[in-house]
N, C-alpha and C. Protein backbone atom coordinates (compact mmCIF):
# COMPACT_ATOMS: atom_id res chain seq x y z
N MET A 1 43.38 33.69 113.18
CA MET A 1 44.12 32.30 113.12
C MET A 1 45.63 32.74 113.61
N THR A 2 46.20 32.05 114.50
CA THR A 2 47.42 32.39 114.77
C THR A 2 48.40 31.60 113.78
N ASN A 3 49.66 31.87 113.66
CA ASN A 3 50.61 31.03 112.68
C ASN A 3 50.82 29.67 113.32
N ARG A 4 50.79 29.39 114.66
CA ARG A 4 50.75 28.21 115.14
C ARG A 4 49.56 27.19 114.74
N GLU A 5 48.49 27.99 114.76
CA GLU A 5 47.19 27.12 114.24
C GLU A 5 47.18 26.95 113.03
N LEU A 6 47.47 28.01 112.12
CA LEU A 6 47.69 27.55 110.50
C LEU A 6 48.74 26.60 110.38
N PHE A 7 49.94 26.44 110.92
CA PHE A 7 50.73 25.24 111.07
C PHE A 7 50.41 23.91 111.18
N LYS A 8 49.38 23.98 112.27
CA LYS A 8 49.10 22.86 112.82
C LYS A 8 48.16 22.12 111.99
N LEU A 9 47.22 23.06 111.24
CA LEU A 9 45.89 22.76 110.38
C LEU A 9 46.56 22.25 108.87
N THR A 10 47.65 23.10 108.74
CA THR A 10 48.31 22.65 107.47
C THR A 10 48.95 21.40 107.52
N TYR A 11 49.55 21.04 108.25
CA TYR A 11 50.28 19.92 108.90
C TYR A 11 49.13 18.53 108.95
N ALA A 12 48.01 18.94 109.58
CA ALA A 12 47.27 17.91 109.63
C ALA A 12 46.45 17.56 108.35
N SER A 13 46.37 18.39 107.49
CA SER A 13 45.87 18.18 106.05
C SER A 13 46.81 17.28 105.24
N LEU A 14 48.03 18.10 105.36
CA LEU A 14 48.97 17.28 104.42
C LEU A 14 49.49 16.02 104.95
N LEU A 15 49.59 15.70 106.34
CA LEU A 15 49.93 14.46 106.82
C LEU A 15 48.83 13.29 106.30
N GLU A 16 47.56 13.75 106.58
CA GLU A 16 46.60 12.79 106.16
C GLU A 16 46.46 12.60 104.52
N ALA A 17 46.76 13.67 103.57
CA ALA A 17 46.86 13.53 102.36
C ALA A 17 48.07 12.52 102.00
N HIS A 18 48.99 12.79 102.79
CA HIS A 18 50.32 11.89 102.05
C HIS A 18 50.14 10.69 102.92
N HIS A 19 49.44 10.18 103.82
CA HIS A 19 49.23 9.00 104.28
C HIS A 19 48.40 8.21 103.47
N LYS A 20 47.20 8.88 103.07
CA LYS A 20 46.30 8.25 101.90
C LYS A 20 47.08 7.73 100.77
N LYS A 21 47.81 8.78 100.44
CA LYS A 21 48.97 8.61 99.16
C LYS A 21 49.81 7.36 99.31
N ASN A 22 50.58 7.36 100.51
CA ASN A 22 51.75 6.42 100.65
C ASN A 22 51.39 5.70 101.88
N PRO A 23 50.62 5.07 102.14
CA PRO A 23 50.13 4.22 103.46
C PRO A 23 51.56 3.43 103.79
N GLU A 24 52.39 2.94 102.95
CA GLU A 24 53.55 2.02 103.24
C GLU A 24 54.60 2.95 104.02
N HIS A 25 54.77 4.07 104.32
CA HIS A 25 55.39 4.87 104.76
C HIS A 25 55.19 5.00 106.14
N TYR A 26 54.03 4.68 106.53
CA TYR A 26 53.66 4.90 107.86
C TYR A 26 53.34 3.53 108.86
N ALA A 27 53.87 3.37 109.98
CA ALA A 27 53.85 2.53 110.60
C ALA A 27 52.28 2.16 111.68
N TRP A 28 51.44 3.33 111.20
CA TRP A 28 50.18 3.48 111.93
C TRP A 28 49.17 3.33 110.84
N PRO A 29 47.93 2.96 111.35
CA PRO A 29 46.86 2.98 110.36
C PRO A 29 46.33 4.32 110.28
N LEU A 30 45.46 4.75 109.07
CA LEU A 30 44.90 6.08 109.16
C LEU A 30 43.85 6.19 110.04
N SER A 31 43.38 5.04 110.76
CA SER A 31 42.57 5.39 111.81
C SER A 31 43.00 6.22 113.13
N GLU A 32 44.29 6.23 113.10
CA GLU A 32 44.94 6.41 114.43
C GLU A 32 45.38 8.02 113.97
N LEU A 33 45.11 8.54 112.92
CA LEU A 33 45.47 9.96 112.49
C LEU A 33 45.24 10.89 113.81
N GLY A 34 44.03 11.11 114.39
CA GLY A 34 43.76 11.76 115.51
C GLY A 34 44.90 11.77 116.66
N THR A 35 45.02 10.30 116.74
CA THR A 35 46.12 10.27 118.08
C THR A 35 47.54 10.83 117.73
N VAL A 36 47.95 10.62 116.55
CA VAL A 36 49.25 10.85 116.03
C VAL A 36 49.11 12.45 115.90
N LEU A 37 48.16 12.94 115.43
CA LEU A 37 48.19 14.42 115.65
C LEU A 37 48.22 15.18 116.86
N GLY A 38 47.59 14.46 117.65
CA GLY A 38 47.49 14.95 119.33
C GLY A 38 48.90 15.07 119.70
N ARG A 39 49.71 13.71 119.41
CA ARG A 39 51.02 14.02 119.92
C ARG A 39 51.95 14.71 119.18
N MET A 40 51.65 14.83 118.06
CA MET A 40 52.51 15.88 117.13
C MET A 40 52.39 17.25 117.58
N ASN A 41 51.21 17.68 117.77
CA ASN A 41 50.62 19.17 118.26
C ASN A 41 51.30 19.13 119.53
N MET A 42 51.40 18.31 120.55
CA MET A 42 52.18 18.65 121.71
C MET A 42 53.49 18.77 121.42
N THR A 43 54.16 17.94 120.42
CA THR A 43 55.66 18.24 120.31
C THR A 43 55.82 19.68 119.80
N ILE A 44 55.01 20.23 118.88
CA ILE A 44 55.00 21.61 118.11
C ILE A 44 54.87 22.22 119.25
N ASP A 45 54.00 22.39 120.18
CA ASP A 45 53.96 23.10 121.65
C ASP A 45 55.16 23.30 122.39
N ASN A 46 55.68 22.04 122.58
CA ASN A 46 56.65 22.16 123.47
C ASN A 46 58.08 22.51 122.66
N GLY A 47 58.23 22.40 121.55
CA GLY A 47 59.41 22.56 120.90
C GLY A 47 60.42 21.71 120.42
N SER A 48 59.61 20.25 120.78
CA SER A 48 60.61 19.27 120.65
C SER A 48 60.21 18.24 119.45
N PHE A 49 59.55 19.06 118.42
CA PHE A 49 59.09 18.14 117.11
C PHE A 49 60.32 17.89 116.13
N SER A 50 59.89 16.77 115.22
CA SER A 50 61.12 16.32 114.54
C SER A 50 60.48 16.83 113.26
N LYS A 51 61.39 17.52 112.40
CA LYS A 51 60.96 18.09 110.93
C LYS A 51 61.18 16.93 109.96
N ASN A 52 61.51 15.80 110.16
CA ASN A 52 62.02 14.95 109.12
C ASN A 52 60.83 14.07 108.89
N SER A 53 59.90 14.44 107.99
CA SER A 53 58.69 14.05 107.52
C SER A 53 58.51 14.75 106.20
N GLN A 54 58.00 13.89 105.16
CA GLN A 54 57.58 14.34 104.09
C GLN A 54 56.26 15.66 104.45
N ALA A 55 55.49 14.97 105.31
CA ALA A 55 54.36 16.06 105.57
C ALA A 55 54.79 17.21 106.16
N PHE A 56 55.83 17.23 107.22
CA PHE A 56 56.41 18.50 107.58
C PHE A 56 56.85 19.10 106.53
N ARG A 57 57.83 18.57 105.70
CA ARG A 57 58.60 19.46 104.67
C ARG A 57 57.38 20.05 103.78
N LYS A 58 56.42 19.38 103.49
CA LYS A 58 55.10 19.95 102.58
C LYS A 58 54.60 21.02 103.15
N THR A 59 54.64 20.84 104.62
CA THR A 59 53.86 22.25 105.24
C THR A 59 54.59 23.34 105.17
N CYS A 60 55.87 23.27 105.18
CA CYS A 60 56.85 24.18 105.13
C CYS A 60 56.87 24.98 103.69
N VAL A 61 56.63 23.99 102.72
CA VAL A 61 56.75 24.61 101.35
C VAL A 61 55.28 25.23 101.21
N ALA A 62 54.04 24.88 101.62
CA ALA A 62 52.72 25.15 101.40
C ALA A 62 52.88 26.67 102.20
N LEU A 63 53.50 26.81 103.35
CA LEU A 63 53.36 28.04 104.08
C LEU A 63 54.48 29.10 103.68
N LYS A 64 55.33 28.61 102.76
CA LYS A 64 56.49 29.52 102.38
C LYS A 64 57.50 29.57 103.73
N ILE A 65 57.93 28.55 104.21
CA ILE A 65 58.92 28.72 105.45
C ILE A 65 59.93 27.91 104.93
N LYS A 66 61.09 28.43 105.36
CA LYS A 66 62.39 27.53 105.27
C LYS A 66 62.23 26.28 105.89
N TYR A 67 62.99 25.25 105.17
CA TYR A 67 62.67 24.05 106.23
C TYR A 67 63.90 23.71 107.09
N THR A 68 63.87 24.81 108.08
CA THR A 68 64.83 24.69 109.27
C THR A 68 64.10 24.82 110.51
N TYR A 69 64.71 24.28 111.63
CA TYR A 69 63.91 24.38 112.67
C TYR A 69 63.97 25.93 113.14
N GLN A 70 64.84 26.74 112.99
CA GLN A 70 64.81 28.18 113.50
C GLN A 70 63.69 28.73 112.57
N ALA A 71 63.44 28.67 111.42
CA ALA A 71 62.41 29.24 110.51
C ALA A 71 61.03 28.73 111.09
N ILE A 72 60.93 27.47 111.27
CA ILE A 72 59.76 26.84 111.82
C ILE A 72 59.53 27.31 113.11
N GLU A 73 60.35 27.61 113.92
CA GLU A 73 59.95 28.05 115.23
C GLU A 73 59.58 29.50 115.21
N THR A 74 60.17 30.45 114.42
CA THR A 74 60.01 31.68 114.19
C THR A 74 58.69 32.07 113.55
N PHE A 75 58.25 31.16 112.71
CA PHE A 75 56.97 31.14 112.14
C PHE A 75 55.93 30.94 113.10
N ILE A 76 56.13 29.56 113.96
CA ILE A 76 55.01 29.36 115.10
C ILE A 76 54.78 30.37 116.00
N GLY A 77 56.10 30.93 116.47
CA GLY A 77 56.17 31.83 117.52
C GLY A 77 55.95 30.98 118.87
N GLU A 78 56.08 31.79 120.01
CA GLU A 78 55.96 31.38 121.34
C GLU A 78 54.69 30.92 121.65
N LYS A 79 54.34 29.96 122.50
CA LYS A 79 53.32 29.31 122.91
C LYS A 79 52.32 30.54 123.85
């Protein structure tokens, strides 16, 4: 498994858990998780992602990555 795949899987798990715990923080229902993850995975792949969410922050913590764009990009590597 690549670091990019690991990042996406970790993010997906933590996003789902955070949404279940705090649904009021999200403008979309949990039933749209797959659609949201599809869009987020595309932004991760093309380097246009926003790291400004609790799930993204928790992903970095879980993977022991600094919470900076440079550290995240270094971890996930080139596509």
